[in-house]
Amino acid sequence: MAETLVKICGLQDVEVLKSMLHLPLDYIGFVFAPSRRKVSIERAAELIAELPNWKTGEIPKAAGVFVNPELDELNELLSVVHLDVIQLHGQESPAFCQQVRRAYPQVQVWKALSVADQERDKAENEYSLEDYVAAVDAVLLDTYDPLQSGGSGRTFAWNKLPAYQEIAVQHDLPLFVAGGLHSDNVGELLDTYAPYGVDVSSGVETDGIKDIQKMTAFVERVKQS
């Protein structure tokens, strides 16, 4: 079985990032959308400049998280900051995702889809996973929240995962799972559904600050599976 990939999202502090250099991470996320974890272009550049100092051999890839960005916004940021991934967390259409891919062929485009607790996924998402399979490089499933685009700290009903995974496998599309993950529940997710990758933010924080002990415990739990 392939190793599950790990993305830790919402990094803001350079010293915290330096404390993580020993962790075998695959992606680190920087939030450019409205959020308490939002970083400026200047701070993101400072954080990403530390990535070549990673001590585990493979340098984590940098993912920028956006909600309904304009191309001009992406142009401005990418002229200053190196990103490997543009992660779109809003109502971006498949056509817009394809437009971003054409504009930045060197950058992967990921689309986050909200999964509702009730049977209203299609109503809350104007587009389905099938609509994006030819438009993006990966998909991330997060918990639906009517007030924000991700970052709710709540899990969704994981029994909905197999239907998404079946489509993703058919189209060779990496599928990440986010939403309320932490070191105590990620093992159940891995053992039951074996996702391609997992994405964590609030689950490795203490009082809103990334906690190196929680991050270490989370990464160790994922990588030992």
Protein backbone atom coordinates (compact mmCIF):
# COMPACT_ATOMS: atom_id res chain seq x y z
CA MET A 1 0.00 0.00 0.00
CA ALA A 2 1.30 3.45 -0.91
CA GLU A 3 2.30 5.78 1.88
CA THR A 4 -0.36 8.33 2.78
CA LEU A 5 0.71 11.89 2.03
CA VAL A 6 0.49 14.56 4.73
CA LYS A 7 -0.26 18.24 4.37
CA ILE A 8 -0.17 20.61 7.34
CA CYS A 9 -2.02 23.80 6.54
CA GLY A 10 -2.18 27.30 7.95
CA LEU A 11 1.47 28.04 8.80
CA GLN A 12 2.12 31.64 9.82
CA ASP A 13 5.14 31.73 12.11
CA VAL A 14 8.72 31.30 10.93
CA GLU A 15 9.97 29.93 14.25
CA VAL A 16 7.19 27.34 14.30
CA LEU A 17 8.13 26.32 10.77
CA LYS A 18 11.76 25.96 11.81
CA SER A 19 10.66 23.60 14.61
CA MET A 20 9.07 21.34 11.98
CA LEU A 21 12.12 20.82 9.78
CA HIS A 22 12.57 17.23 10.98
CA LEU A 23 9.01 16.09 10.15
CA PRO A 24 8.50 13.94 7.02
CA LEU A 25 5.87 16.17 5.44
CA ASP A 26 4.73 16.19 1.84
CA TYR A 27 2.97 19.56 1.66
CA ILE A 28 2.74 22.71 3.74
CA GLY A 29 -0.20 25.03 3.21
CA PHE A 30 -0.24 28.83 3.40
CA VAL A 31 -3.62 30.55 3.54
CA PHE A 32 -4.13 33.64 1.39
CA ALA A 33 -7.92 33.70 1.80
CA PRO A 34 -9.79 35.55 4.58
CA SER A 35 -9.04 33.53 7.71
CA ARG A 36 -7.39 33.89 11.10
CA ARG A 37 -4.56 31.89 9.51
CA LYS A 38 -4.13 34.25 6.55
CA VAL A 39 -0.58 35.31 5.72
CA SER A 40 0.67 38.26 3.70
CA ILE A 41 2.65 37.76 0.53
CA GLU A 42 5.75 39.00 2.36
CA ARG A 43 5.32 36.56 5.27
CA ALA A 44 4.63 33.68 2.90
CA ALA A 45 7.85 34.44 1.03
CA GLU A 46 9.73 34.42 4.33
CA LEU A 47 8.20 31.09 5.34
CA ILE A 48 8.74 29.41 1.97
CA ALA A 49 12.38 30.55 1.98
CA GLU A 50 12.90 28.16 4.92
CA LEU A 51 11.75 25.07 3.04
CA PRO A 52 15.14 24.27 1.43
CA ASN A 53 16.47 23.78 4.98
CA TRP A 54 14.25 20.72 5.49
CA LYS A 55 16.12 17.87 7.15
CA THR A 56 14.19 14.78 6.00
CA GLY A 57 15.56 14.59 2.48
CA GLU A 58 12.50 15.55 0.45
CA ILE A 59 11.47 19.19 0.71
CA PRO A 60 7.72 19.65 1.30
CA LYS A 61 5.85 21.31 -1.52
CA ALA A 62 4.26 24.71 -0.88
CA ALA A 63 0.50 24.99 -1.34
CA GLY A 64 -1.34 28.30 -1.43
CA VAL A 65 -4.97 28.26 -0.31
CA PHE A 66 -7.36 30.68 -2.05
CA VAL A 67 -11.10 31.32 -2.06
CA ASN A 68 -12.54 32.60 -5.34
CA PRO A 69 -9.36 34.41 -6.42
CA GLU A 70 -9.00 36.56 -9.51
CA LEU A 71 -6.21 35.76 -11.94
CA ASP A 72 -4.68 39.15 -11.19
CA GLU A 73 -4.41 38.16 -7.52
CA LEU A 74 -2.66 34.92 -8.44
CA ASN A 75 -0.35 36.76 -10.85
CA GLU A 76 0.71 39.22 -8.17
CA LEU A 77 1.40 36.52 -5.61
CA LEU A 78 3.21 34.11 -7.93
CA SER A 79 5.50 36.90 -9.10
CA VAL A 80 6.86 37.03 -5.53
CA VAL A 81 6.19 33.63 -3.96
CA HIS A 82 7.04 30.18 -5.29
CA LEU A 83 4.09 27.81 -5.02
CA ASP A 84 3.87 24.18 -6.11
CA VAL A 85 0.11 24.00 -5.59
CA ILE A 86 -2.81 26.41 -5.99
CA GLN A 87 -5.59 25.07 -3.76
CA LEU A 88 -9.00 26.53 -4.60
CA HIS A 89 -11.47 26.47 -1.72
CA GLY A 90 -14.38 28.53 -3.02
CA GLN A 91 -17.00 28.18 -5.76
CA GLU A 92 -14.44 28.06 -8.56
CA SER A 93 -15.87 26.40 -11.67
CA PRO A 94 -14.14 23.62 -13.62
CA ALA A 95 -13.61 26.16 -16.41
CA PHE A 96 -11.80 28.52 -14.03
CA CYS A 97 -9.64 25.65 -12.74
CA GLN A 98 -8.64 24.84 -16.30
CA GLN A 99 -7.88 28.50 -16.91
CA VAL A 100 -5.55 28.52 -13.89
CA ARG A 101 -3.83 25.35 -15.09
CA ARG A 102 -3.19 26.89 -18.49
CA ALA A 103 -1.90 30.10 -16.95
CA TYR A 104 0.50 28.30 -14.56
CA PRO A 105 1.48 24.96 -16.11
CA GLN A 106 4.30 24.53 -13.59
CA VAL A 107 1.85 24.61 -10.64
CA GLN A 108 -0.66 21.93 -9.65
CA VAL A 109 -4.28 23.00 -9.20
CA TRP A 110 -6.29 21.35 -6.43
CA LYS A 111 -10.02 21.82 -5.86
CA ALA A 112 -11.62 21.54 -2.43
CA LEU A 113 -15.16 20.15 -2.33
CA SER A 114 -17.47 20.48 0.66
CA VAL A 115 -19.15 17.34 1.99
CA ALA A 116 -22.41 18.02 3.83
CA ASP A 117 -23.67 15.89 6.71
CA GLN A 118 -27.11 15.70 5.14
CA GLU A 119 -28.00 14.47 1.67
CA ARG A 120 -27.51 17.86 0.07
CA ASP A 121 -24.03 17.61 -1.38
CA LYS A 122 -25.19 18.46 -4.89
CA ALA A 123 -27.23 21.40 -3.64
CA GLU A 124 -24.31 22.87 -1.70
CA ASN A 125 -21.77 22.16 -4.47
CA GLU A 126 -22.86 23.55 -7.82
CA TYR A 127 -20.44 21.11 -9.43
CA SER A 128 -19.70 17.49 -8.57
CA LEU A 129 -16.39 15.65 -8.45
CA GLU A 130 -17.04 14.28 -11.94
CA ASP A 131 -17.10 17.84 -13.27
CA TYR A 132 -13.54 18.48 -12.07
CA VAL A 133 -11.72 15.28 -13.03
CA ALA A 134 -10.33 16.77 -16.24
CA ALA A 135 -9.77 20.22 -14.77
CA VAL A 136 -7.57 19.67 -11.70
CA ASP A 137 -4.57 17.71 -10.46
CA ALA A 138 -6.09 16.66 -7.13
CA VAL A 139 -9.25 17.00 -5.06
CA LEU A 140 -9.56 17.70 -1.34
CA LEU A 141 -12.73 16.82 0.57
CA ASP A 142 -13.58 19.08 3.51
CA THR A 143 -16.55 19.46 5.84
CA TYR A 144 -19.34 21.69 4.61
CA ASP A 145 -19.78 24.83 6.68
CA PRO A 146 -22.32 27.50 5.67
CA LEU A 147 -20.21 30.25 7.24
CA GLN A 148 -16.73 29.52 5.91
CA SER A 149 -14.84 27.73 3.15
CA GLY A 150 -13.13 25.03 5.19
CA GLY A 151 -11.27 25.22 8.45
CA SER A 152 -14.30 24.29 10.53
CA GLY A 153 -12.43 21.76 12.67
CA ARG A 154 -15.27 19.25 12.18
CA THR A 155 -15.26 15.89 10.43
CA PHE A 156 -17.78 14.90 7.79
CA ALA A 157 -19.44 11.49 7.46
CA TRP A 158 -16.55 9.33 6.31
CA ASN A 159 -18.93 6.66 5.04
CA LYS A 160 -19.40 8.97 2.05
CA LEU A 161 -15.76 8.58 1.09
CA PRO A 162 -15.95 5.36 -0.98
CA ALA A 163 -18.21 6.97 -3.58
CA TYR A 164 -15.71 9.80 -4.06
CA GLN A 165 -12.74 7.43 -3.99
CA GLU A 166 -14.26 5.24 -6.69
CA ILE A 167 -14.51 8.20 -9.06
CA ALA A 168 -11.02 9.42 -8.13
CA VAL A 169 -9.46 6.01 -8.77
CA GLN A 170 -11.23 5.69 -12.12
CA HIS A 171 -9.64 8.95 -13.23
CA ASP A 172 -6.28 8.51 -11.48
CA LEU A 173 -7.01 11.63 -9.43
CA PRO A 174 -5.34 12.03 -6.00
CA LEU A 175 -7.92 12.59 -3.27
CA PHE A 176 -7.07 14.23 0.06
CA VAL A 177 -9.28 14.24 3.16
CA ALA A 178 -9.52 17.23 5.51
CA GLY A 179 -11.92 18.35 8.20
CA GLY A 180 -11.49 17.80 11.93
CA LEU A 181 -8.52 15.45 11.73
CA HIS A 182 -6.11 14.98 14.64
CA SER A 183 -3.76 12.28 15.91
CA ASP A 184 -6.53 10.46 17.81
CA ASN A 185 -8.90 9.97 14.87
CA VAL A 186 -6.69 9.89 11.80
CA GLY A 187 -5.78 6.24 12.46
CA GLU A 188 -9.42 5.20 12.07
CA LEU A 189 -9.63 7.10 8.79
CA LEU A 190 -6.46 5.47 7.48
CA ASP A 191 -7.36 1.96 8.62
CA THR A 192 -10.88 2.11 7.20
CA TYR A 193 -10.57 4.18 4.02
CA ALA A 194 -6.84 4.50 3.23
CA PRO A 195 -7.04 7.96 1.60
CA TYR A 196 -4.34 9.12 -0.79
CA GLY A 197 -3.55 12.03 1.51
CA VAL A 198 -4.69 13.89 4.62
CA ASP A 199 -4.77 17.61 5.40
CA VAL A 200 -4.72 18.95 8.96
CA SER A 201 -4.80 22.42 10.49
CA SER A 202 -6.74 23.08 13.71
CA GLY A 203 -6.17 19.48 14.85
CA VAL A 204 -2.47 20.21 15.41
CA GLU A 205 -2.97 23.53 17.19
CA THR A 206 -3.16 24.64 20.81
CA ASP A 207 -4.97 27.91 21.40
CA GLY A 208 -4.83 28.65 17.68
CA ILE A 209 -1.05 28.13 17.41
CA LYS A 210 0.61 25.21 15.66
CA ASP A 211 1.85 22.79 18.35
CA ILE A 212 5.01 20.85 17.49
CA GLN A 213 4.05 17.95 19.76
CA LYS A 214 0.65 17.59 18.13
CA MET A 215 2.14 17.91 14.65
CA THR A 216 4.73 15.26 15.45
CA ALA A 217 2.11 12.88 16.86
CA PHE A 218 -0.11 13.36 13.81
CA VAL A 219 2.66 12.79 11.27
CA GLU A 220 3.98 9.75 13.12
CA ARG A 221 0.50 8.21 13.26
CA VAL A 222 0.00 8.68 9.53
CA LYS A 223 3.43 7.58 8.41
CA GLN A 224 3.45 4.43 10.54
CA SER A 225 0.23 3.17 8.91
